[in-house]
Amino acid sequence: MLRRLTILSALLMSACLVRSAPYQSNPPPPPPSGGTTTVVVPEREAPPPPPPAYVPPPPPPSRPPPPGQARRDEVHERNEARKEAHEAEKAEKREDKAEEKALKRDNKAEEKALKQEHKAEEKAAPKEERKEIKAENKAEEKDLKRDNKAEEKELKQEHKDKEKGGKKK
C-alpha cells in the first residue's frame, strides 16, 4: 500500500513539474534607472538538428512481364483489325441486300403497271374478244414475272459467289 502511495505521489509531482515548467512566466526585469536602456535578449537554444533525410529503398529488380501480358497489345491490334474487316463485310452485305430489294421493288412496279395496262385493254375490248386478250395478257404477265424472278435470283447468286470468294482469300 505504501508502495502504491509513493508511486502515485511521484507521478503527481513529476506531472506538476512538467506541466508547470512551460507555463511558468517570469516578468521581464525592470529597466535600469539611468539614461540608457539595455535590452536583454534571452538566449535561445539551438534548433534541433534536422531529421535524417528519408532515402527510399531501391526499387526491386524488374521481372519480365508474365507471358499473357507480353502479347496483350498484339492481341488487341489483331482483334481491332478483325473487327474492322467484319464491319466492312457487314456494310457490303447491307449494300447487296439494298440492291436486291431495289431490283425487286422495280420489278414489282413494272409487273403492276403491265397488269393495269392489260386490265384497261381488256375493258376496252368487245366482250367476245376479252377471253382471248385476257389469256394473252396472262401469259405475258407470267413470262415477265418469270424473267424478273430469274433476274433477282441471278443477282442474289452473284452476291453469294462474291461473298464466298471473299472468304476463301
C-alpha atoms as a PDB file:
ATOM      1  CA  MET A   1       0.000   0.000   0.000  1.00  0.00           C
ATOM      2  CA  LEU A   2       2.806   2.357   0.876  1.00  0.00           C
ATOM      3  CA  ARG A   3       4.484   1.459  -2.341  1.00  0.00           C
ATOM      4  CA  ARG A   4       1.418   2.461  -4.330  1.00  0.00           C
ATOM      5  CA  LEU A   5       1.149   5.734  -2.467  1.00  0.00           C
ATOM      6  CA  THR A   6       4.796   6.521  -3.175  1.00  0.00           C
ATOM      7  CA  ILE A   7       4.414   5.791  -6.872  1.00  0.00           C
ATOM      8  CA  LEU A   8       1.238   7.862  -7.058  1.00  0.00           C
ATOM      9  CA  SER A   9       2.779  10.835  -5.320  1.00  0.00           C
ATOM     10  CA  ALA A  10       5.902  10.624  -7.514  1.00  0.00           C
ATOM     11  CA  LEU A  11       3.778  10.641 -10.636  1.00  0.00           C
ATOM     12  CA  LEU A  12       1.693  13.560  -9.456  1.00  0.00           C
ATOM     13  CA  MET A  13       4.727  15.623  -8.549  1.00  0.00           C
ATOM     14  CA  SER A  14       6.507  14.923 -11.790  1.00  0.00           C
ATOM     15  CA  ALA A  15       3.375  15.823 -13.719  1.00  0.00           C
ATOM     16  CA  CYS A  16       3.057  19.067 -11.839  1.00  0.00           C
ATOM     17  CA  LEU A  17       6.663  19.935 -12.514  1.00  0.00           C
ATOM     18  CA  VAL A  18       6.461  19.022 -16.135  1.00  0.00           C
ATOM     19  CA  ARG A  19       3.203  20.833 -16.553  1.00  0.00           C
ATOM     20  CA  SER A  20       4.181  23.944 -14.672  1.00  0.00           C
ATOM     21  CA  ALA A  21       7.550  24.419 -16.330  1.00  0.00           C
ATOM     22  CA  PRO A  22       6.313  25.505 -19.761  1.00  0.00           C
ATOM     23  CA  TYR A  23       3.571  27.677 -18.335  1.00  0.00           C
ATOM     24  CA  GLN A  24       5.723  29.500 -15.844  1.00  0.00           C
ATOM     25  CA  SER A  25       6.210  33.079 -16.829  1.00  0.00           C
ATOM     26  CA  ASN A  26       8.808  35.393 -15.368  1.00  0.00           C
ATOM     27  CA  PRO A  27       8.099  39.077 -15.708  1.00  0.00           C
ATOM     28  CA  PRO A  28      10.861  40.951 -17.525  1.00  0.00           C
ATOM     29  CA  PRO A  29      13.297  42.747 -15.232  1.00  0.00           C
ATOM     30  CA  PRO A  30      12.557  46.427 -14.628  1.00  0.00           C
ATOM     31  CA  PRO A  31      14.529  48.827 -16.770  1.00  0.00           C
ATOM     32  CA  PRO A  32      17.583  50.250 -15.027  1.00  0.00           C
ATOM     33  CA  SER A  33      17.215  53.751 -13.795  1.00  0.00           C
ATOM     34  CA  GLY A  34      19.506  55.744 -15.908  1.00  0.00           C
ATOM     35  CA  GLY A  35      19.673  57.346 -19.260  1.00  0.00           C
ATOM     36  CA  THR A  36      20.326  54.309 -21.388  1.00  0.00           C
ATOM     37  CA  THR A  37      18.184  51.319 -21.852  1.00  0.00           C
ATOM     38  CA  THR A  38      19.685  47.935 -22.292  1.00  0.00           C
ATOM     39  CA  VAL A  39      17.736  45.211 -23.897  1.00  0.00           C
ATOM     40  CA  VAL A  40      18.414  41.746 -22.669  1.00  0.00           C
ATOM     41  CA  VAL A  41      17.854  39.148 -25.369  1.00  0.00           C
ATOM     42  CA  PRO A  42      17.253  35.749 -23.897  1.00  0.00           C
ATOM     43  CA  GLU A  43      19.496  33.103 -25.329  1.00  0.00           C
ATOM     44  CA  ARG A  44      17.724  30.688 -27.486  1.00  0.00           C
ATOM     45  CA  GLU A  45      18.561  27.101 -27.666  1.00  0.00           C
ATOM     46  CA  ALA A  46      19.967  25.881 -30.926  1.00  0.00           C
ATOM     47  CA  PRO A  47      17.261  24.382 -33.095  1.00  0.00           C
ATOM     48  CA  PRO A  48      17.217  20.631 -33.053  1.00  0.00           C
ATOM     49  CA  PRO A  49      19.183  19.040 -35.865  1.00  0.00           C
ATOM     50  CA  PRO A  50      17.071  18.252 -38.943  1.00  0.00           C
ATOM     51  CA  PRO A  51      15.837  14.708 -39.124  1.00  0.00           C
ATOM     52  CA  PRO A  52      17.890  12.472 -41.359  1.00  0.00           C
ATOM     53  CA  ALA A  53      16.776  12.682 -44.979  1.00  0.00           C
ATOM     54  CA  TYR A  54      14.487   9.829 -45.975  1.00  0.00           C
ATOM     55  CA  VAL A  55      16.039   7.736 -48.634  1.00  0.00           C
ATOM     56  CA  PRO A  56      13.548   5.329 -50.162  1.00  0.00           C
ATOM     57  CA  PRO A  57      14.811   1.807 -50.598  1.00  0.00           C
ATOM     58  CA  PRO A  58      15.941   0.964 -54.106  1.00  0.00           C
ATOM     59  CA  PRO A  59      13.202  -0.496 -56.306  1.00  0.00           C
ATOM     60  CA  PRO A  60      13.173  -4.263 -56.576  1.00  0.00           C
ATOM     61  CA  PRO A  61      14.826  -5.669 -59.663  1.00  0.00           C
ATOM     62  CA  SER A  62      12.410  -5.702 -62.591  1.00  0.00           C
ATOM     63  CA  ARG A  63      10.987  -9.022 -63.593  1.00  0.00           C
ATOM     64  CA  PRO A  64       9.930  -9.884 -67.098  1.00  0.00           C
ATOM     65  CA  PRO A  65       6.167  -9.430 -67.601  1.00  0.00           C
ATOM     66  CA  PRO A  66       4.009 -12.539 -67.431  1.00  0.00           C
ATOM     67  CA  PRO A  67       3.637 -14.298 -70.778  1.00  0.00           C
ATOM     68  CA  GLY A  68      -0.028 -13.325 -71.161  1.00  0.00           C
ATOM     69  CA  GLN A  69       0.716  -9.651 -70.623  1.00  0.00           C
ATOM     70  CA  ALA A  70       3.589  -9.540 -73.099  1.00  0.00           C
ATOM     71  CA  ARG A  71       1.366 -10.144 -76.119  1.00  0.00           C
ATOM     72  CA  ARG A  72      -1.628  -8.171 -74.913  1.00  0.00           C
ATOM     73  CA  ASP A  73      -1.086  -5.233 -77.277  1.00  0.00           C
ATOM     74  CA  GLU A  74      -0.560  -7.523 -80.246  1.00  0.00           C
ATOM     75  CA  VAL A  75      -3.793  -9.346 -79.484  1.00  0.00           C
ATOM     76  CA  HIS A  76      -5.713  -6.063 -79.169  1.00  0.00           C
ATOM     77  CA  GLU A  77      -4.405  -4.855 -82.535  1.00  0.00           C
ATOM     78  CA  ARG A  78      -5.261  -8.149 -84.199  1.00  0.00           C
ATOM     79  CA  ASN A  79      -8.770  -8.087 -82.730  1.00  0.00           C
ATOM     80  CA  GLU A  80      -9.235  -4.493 -83.890  1.00  0.00           C
ATOM     81  CA  ALA A  81      -8.240  -5.475 -87.428  1.00  0.00           C
ATOM     82  CA  ARG A  82     -10.688  -8.393 -87.373  1.00  0.00           C
ATOM     83  CA  LYS A  83     -13.445  -6.122 -86.135  1.00  0.00           C
ATOM     84  CA  GLU A  84     -12.816  -3.615 -88.946  1.00  0.00           C
ATOM     85  CA  ALA A  85     -12.871  -6.413 -91.539  1.00  0.00           C
ATOM     86  CA  HIS A  86     -16.116  -7.748 -90.085  1.00  0.00           C
ATOM     87  CA  GLU A  87     -17.703  -4.288 -90.167  1.00  0.00           C
ATOM     88  CA  ALA A  88     -16.655  -3.893 -93.819  1.00  0.00           C
ATOM     89  CA  GLU A  89     -18.241  -7.264 -94.679  1.00  0.00           C
ATOM     90  CA  LYS A  90     -21.452  -6.264 -92.919  1.00  0.00           C
ATOM     91  CA  ALA A  91     -21.583  -2.962 -94.803  1.00  0.00           C
ATOM     92  CA  GLU A  92     -21.061  -4.797 -98.097  1.00  0.00           C
ATOM     93  CA  LYS A  93     -23.853  -7.260 -97.266  1.00  0.00           C
ATOM     94  CA  ARG A  94     -26.172  -4.374 -96.439  1.00  0.00           C
ATOM     95  CA  GLU A  95     -25.406  -2.756 -99.800  1.00  0.00           C
ATOM     96  CA  ASP A  96     -26.063  -6.040-101.640  1.00  0.00           C
ATOM     97  CA  LYS A  97     -29.322  -6.543 -99.787  1.00  0.00           C
ATOM     98  CA  ALA A  98     -30.419  -2.991-100.597  1.00  0.00           C
ATOM     99  CA  GLU A  99     -29.588  -3.576-104.271  1.00  0.00           C
ATOM    100  CA  GLU A 100     -31.645  -6.785-104.300  1.00  0.00           C
ATOM    101  CA  LYS A 101     -34.576  -5.016-102.613  1.00  0.00           C
ATOM    102  CA  ALA A 102     -34.450  -2.156-105.120  1.00  0.00           C
ATOM    103  CA  LEU A 103     -34.493  -4.592-108.048  1.00  0.00           C
ATOM    104  CA  LYS A 104     -37.405  -6.478-106.544  1.00  0.00           C
ATOM    105  CA  ARG A 105     -39.311  -3.243-105.951  1.00  0.00           C
ATOM    106  CA  ASP A 106     -38.695  -2.101-109.556  1.00  0.00           C
ATOM    107  CA  ASN A 107     -39.787  -5.460-110.959  1.00  0.00           C
ATOM    108  CA  LYS A 108     -42.935  -5.445-108.875  1.00  0.00           C
ATOM    109  CA  ALA A 109     -43.791  -1.915-110.031  1.00  0.00           C
ATOM    110  CA  GLU A 110     -43.227  -2.982-113.649  1.00  0.00           C
ATOM    111  CA  GLU A 111     -45.496  -6.018-113.223  1.00  0.00           C
ATOM    112  CA  LYS A 112     -48.184  -3.894-111.594  1.00  0.00           C
ATOM    113  CA  ALA A 113     -48.075  -1.312-114.388  1.00  0.00           C
ATOM    114  CA  LEU A 114     -48.331  -4.040-117.033  1.00  0.00           C
ATOM    115  CA  LYS A 115     -51.261  -5.619-115.209  1.00  0.00           C
ATOM    116  CA  GLN A 116     -53.118  -2.294-115.059  1.00  0.00           C
ATOM    117  CA  GLU A 117     -52.400  -1.685-118.728  1.00  0.00           C
ATOM    118  CA  HIS A 118     -53.762  -5.118-119.628  1.00  0.00           C
ATOM    119  CA  LYS A 119     -56.845  -4.610-117.481  1.00  0.00           C
ATOM    120  CA  ALA A 120     -57.598  -1.335-119.271  1.00  0.00           C
ATOM    121  CA  GLU A 121     -57.058  -3.087-122.615  1.00  0.00           C
ATOM    122  CA  GLU A 122     -59.437  -5.889-121.625  1.00  0.00           C
ATOM    123  CA  LYS A 123     -62.169  -3.469-120.585  1.00  0.00           C
ATOM    124  CA  ALA A 124     -61.835  -1.546-123.830  1.00  0.00           C
ATOM    125  CA  ALA A 125     -62.146  -4.697-125.941  1.00  0.00           C
ATOM    126  CA  PRO A 126     -65.531  -6.088-127.032  1.00  0.00           C
ATOM    127  CA  LYS A 127     -66.902  -8.826-124.803  1.00  0.00           C
ATOM    128  CA  GLU A 128     -66.304 -11.647-127.343  1.00  0.00           C
ATOM    129  CA  GLU A 129     -62.554 -10.890-127.578  1.00  0.00           C
ATOM    130  CA  ARG A 130     -61.957 -10.387-123.825  1.00  0.00           C
ATOM    131  CA  LYS A 131     -61.246 -14.051-123.098  1.00  0.00           C
ATOM    132  CA  GLU A 132     -58.585 -14.266-125.803  1.00  0.00           C
ATOM    133  CA  ILE A 133     -56.969 -10.960-124.763  1.00  0.00           C
ATOM    134  CA  LYS A 134     -57.066 -11.989-121.117  1.00  0.00           C
ATOM    135  CA  ALA A 135     -55.294 -15.285-121.879  1.00  0.00           C
ATOM    136  CA  GLU A 136     -52.613 -13.498-123.932  1.00  0.00           C
ATOM    137  CA  ASN A 137     -52.106 -10.886-121.220  1.00  0.00           C
ATOM    138  CA  LYS A 138     -51.908 -13.517-118.507  1.00  0.00           C
ATOM    139  CA  ALA A 139     -49.231 -15.394-120.458  1.00  0.00           C
ATOM    140  CA  GLU A 140     -47.305 -12.167-120.984  1.00  0.00           C
ATOM    141  CA  GLU A 141     -47.523 -11.312-117.243  1.00  0.00           C
ATOM    142  CA  LYS A 142     -46.348 -14.808-116.346  1.00  0.00           C
ATOM    143  CA  ASP A 143     -43.357 -14.505-118.681  1.00  0.00           C
ATOM    144  CA  LEU A 144     -42.463 -11.115-117.225  1.00  0.00           C
ATOM    145  CA  LYS A 145     -42.751 -12.464-113.671  1.00  0.00           C
ATOM    146  CA  ARG A 146     -40.584 -15.493-114.540  1.00  0.00           C
ATOM    147  CA  ASP A 147     -37.944 -13.240-116.149  1.00  0.00           C
ATOM    148  CA  ASN A 148     -37.947 -10.913-113.135  1.00  0.00           C
ATOM    149  CA  LYS A 149     -37.590 -13.815-110.702  1.00  0.00           C
ATOM    150  CA  ALA A 150     -34.689 -15.195-112.729  1.00  0.00           C
ATOM    151  CA  GLU A 151     -33.015 -11.784-112.717  1.00  0.00           C
ATOM    152  CA  GLU A 152     -33.442 -11.472-108.935  1.00  0.00           C
ATOM    153  CA  LYS A 153     -32.114 -14.986-108.411  1.00  0.00           C
ATOM    154  CA  GLU A 154     -29.107 -14.248-110.623  1.00  0.00           C
ATOM    155  CA  LEU A 155     -28.265 -11.113-108.663  1.00  0.00           C
ATOM    156  CA  LYS A 156     -28.598 -12.968-105.366  1.00  0.00           C
ATOM    157  CA  GLN A 157     -26.316 -15.748-106.650  1.00  0.00           C
ATOM    158  CA  GLU A 158     -23.726 -13.171-107.772  1.00  0.00           C
ATOM    159  CA  HIS A 159     -23.698 -11.693-104.273  1.00  0.00           C
ATOM    160  CA  LYS A 160     -23.323 -15.139-102.702  1.00  0.00           C
ATOM    161  CA  ASP A 161     -20.475 -16.029-105.047  1.00  0.00           C
ATOM    162  CA  LYS A 162     -18.763 -12.737-104.313  1.00  0.00           C
ATOM    163  CA  GLU A 163     -19.166 -13.381-100.589  1.00  0.00           C
ATOM    164  CA  LYS A 164     -17.777 -16.908-100.851  1.00  0.00           C
ATOM    165  CA  GLY A 165     -14.883 -15.707-102.992  1.00  0.00           C
ATOM    166  CA  GLY A 166     -14.026 -13.084-100.376  1.00  0.00           C
ATOM    167  CA  LYS A 167     -13.975 -15.650 -97.574  1.00  0.00           C
ATOM    168  CA  LYS A 168     -11.690 -18.092 -99.411  1.00  0.00           C
ATOM    169  CA  LYS A 169      -8.976 -15.485 -99.881  1.00  0.00           C
END
